[in-house]
Amino acid sequence: MTKADIVNEVAKVTGVEKVAVQKTVECFMEVVKDALVKDRNVYLRGFGSFIIKKRAQKTARNISKNTTIVIPEHYIPAFKPAKSFGNKVKGSVKRK
């Protein structure tokens, strides 16, 4: 599902114009990004949390040059679903 699909679905369900829904969705994403950049997690009860995860330093191989490189410690954004959300997906999604 794309951002456009989300906008269309929310507009259809709520009856709000697509332009307003698109602006709201984009604003929500900006607020989440800004919070994570400022090292603040975002908690949405019943849905999940947008968090920052720390990745430890590690050694890797550049196979094209056959050399060893060190990847420094770094932080990445992540999403952790709420327990109820995760259980709902586990019980309903059937992949082929």
Protein backbone atom coordinates (compact mmCIF):
# COMPACT_ATOMS: atom_id res chain seq x y z
CA MET A 1 0.00 0.00 0.00
CA THR A 2 1.41 3.38 -0.98
CA LYS A 3 0.93 6.82 0.57
CA ALA A 4 -1.53 7.63 -2.24
CA ASP A 5 -3.52 4.47 -1.39
CA ILE A 6 -3.66 5.51 2.26
CA VAL A 7 -4.83 9.01 1.32
CA ASN A 8 -7.54 7.58 -0.95
CA GLU A 9 -8.75 5.13 1.70
CA VAL A 10 -8.88 7.73 4.50
CA ALA A 11 -10.65 10.22 2.21
CA LYS A 12 -13.21 7.59 1.24
CA VAL A 13 -13.88 6.48 4.82
CA THR A 14 -14.00 9.96 6.40
CA GLY A 15 -15.47 12.00 3.55
CA VAL A 16 -12.65 14.57 3.89
CA GLU A 17 -11.14 15.96 0.68
CA LYS A 18 -8.07 14.13 -0.61
CA VAL A 19 -5.97 17.32 -0.55
CA ALA A 20 -6.65 17.81 3.17
CA VAL A 21 -5.98 14.14 3.94
CA GLN A 22 -2.72 14.22 1.96
CA LYS A 23 -1.55 17.30 3.85
CA THR A 24 -2.42 15.64 7.16
CA VAL A 25 -0.62 12.38 6.28
CA GLU A 26 2.49 14.26 5.12
CA CYS A 27 2.43 16.43 8.25
CA PHE A 28 2.17 13.30 10.43
CA MET A 29 5.20 11.77 8.71
CA GLU A 30 7.20 14.99 9.16
CA VAL A 31 6.33 15.15 12.87
CA VAL A 32 7.46 11.53 13.33
CA LYS A 33 10.71 12.14 11.39
CA ASP A 34 11.47 15.33 13.32
CA ALA A 35 10.87 13.58 16.65
CA LEU A 36 13.20 10.71 15.74
CA VAL A 37 15.90 13.11 14.54
CA LYS A 38 15.66 14.80 17.95
CA ASP A 39 16.09 11.36 19.63
CA ARG A 40 12.46 11.25 20.81
CA ASN A 41 10.44 8.06 20.33
CA VAL A 42 6.83 8.24 19.11
CA TYR A 43 4.29 6.02 20.88
CA LEU A 44 0.86 5.35 19.34
CA ARG A 45 -1.20 3.23 21.74
CA GLY A 46 -2.77 0.21 20.05
CA PHE A 47 -0.68 0.72 16.90
CA GLY A 48 3.02 0.73 17.79
CA SER A 49 6.13 2.81 18.40
CA PHE A 50 8.57 4.56 16.11
CA ILE A 51 11.92 4.19 17.87
CA ILE A 52 15.64 4.70 17.37
CA LYS A 53 17.77 1.53 17.46
CA LYS A 54 21.49 1.49 18.12
CA ARG A 55 23.60 -0.70 15.85
CA ALA A 56 26.93 -1.76 17.33
CA GLN A 57 30.23 -1.42 15.47
CA LYS A 58 31.01 -4.46 13.33
CA THR A 59 33.55 -5.80 10.89
CA ALA A 60 32.44 -6.56 7.34
CA ARG A 61 34.02 -7.66 4.07
CA ASN A 62 34.14 -5.77 0.80
CA ILE A 63 34.04 -8.82 -1.46
CA SER A 64 34.80 -6.91 -4.66
CA LYS A 65 38.13 -5.63 -3.25
CA ASN A 66 38.65 -8.54 -0.83
CA THR A 67 39.25 -6.19 2.09
CA THR A 68 37.95 -5.91 5.62
CA ILE A 69 36.11 -2.75 6.62
CA VAL A 70 34.82 -1.50 9.96
CA ILE A 71 31.26 -0.25 10.06
CA PRO A 72 31.02 2.21 12.94
CA GLU A 73 28.30 2.27 15.58
CA HIS A 74 25.22 4.02 14.22
CA TYR A 75 21.52 4.59 14.86
CA ILE A 76 18.57 3.63 12.66
CA PRO A 77 14.83 4.35 12.81
CA ALA A 78 12.60 1.35 13.49
CA PHE A 79 8.95 0.49 14.05
CA LYS A 80 7.82 -1.81 16.85
CA PRO A 81 4.17 -2.87 16.52
CA ALA A 82 1.90 -2.93 19.57
CA LYS A 83 1.25 -6.40 20.95
CA SER A 84 -2.42 -6.38 19.88
CA PHE A 85 -1.47 -5.19 16.38
CA GLY A 86 1.24 -7.84 16.01
CA ASN A 87 -1.09 -10.60 17.18
CA LYS A 88 -3.79 -9.46 14.75
CA VAL A 89 -1.35 -9.61 11.82
CA LYS A 90 0.04 -13.00 12.92
CA GLY A 91 -3.46 -14.48 12.98
CA SER A 92 -4.72 -13.10 9.69
CA VAL A 93 -1.94 -12.79 7.10
CA LYS A 94 -1.41 -15.82 4.90
CA ARG A 95 1.52 -15.54 2.49
CA LYS A 96 2.01 -17.85 -0.46
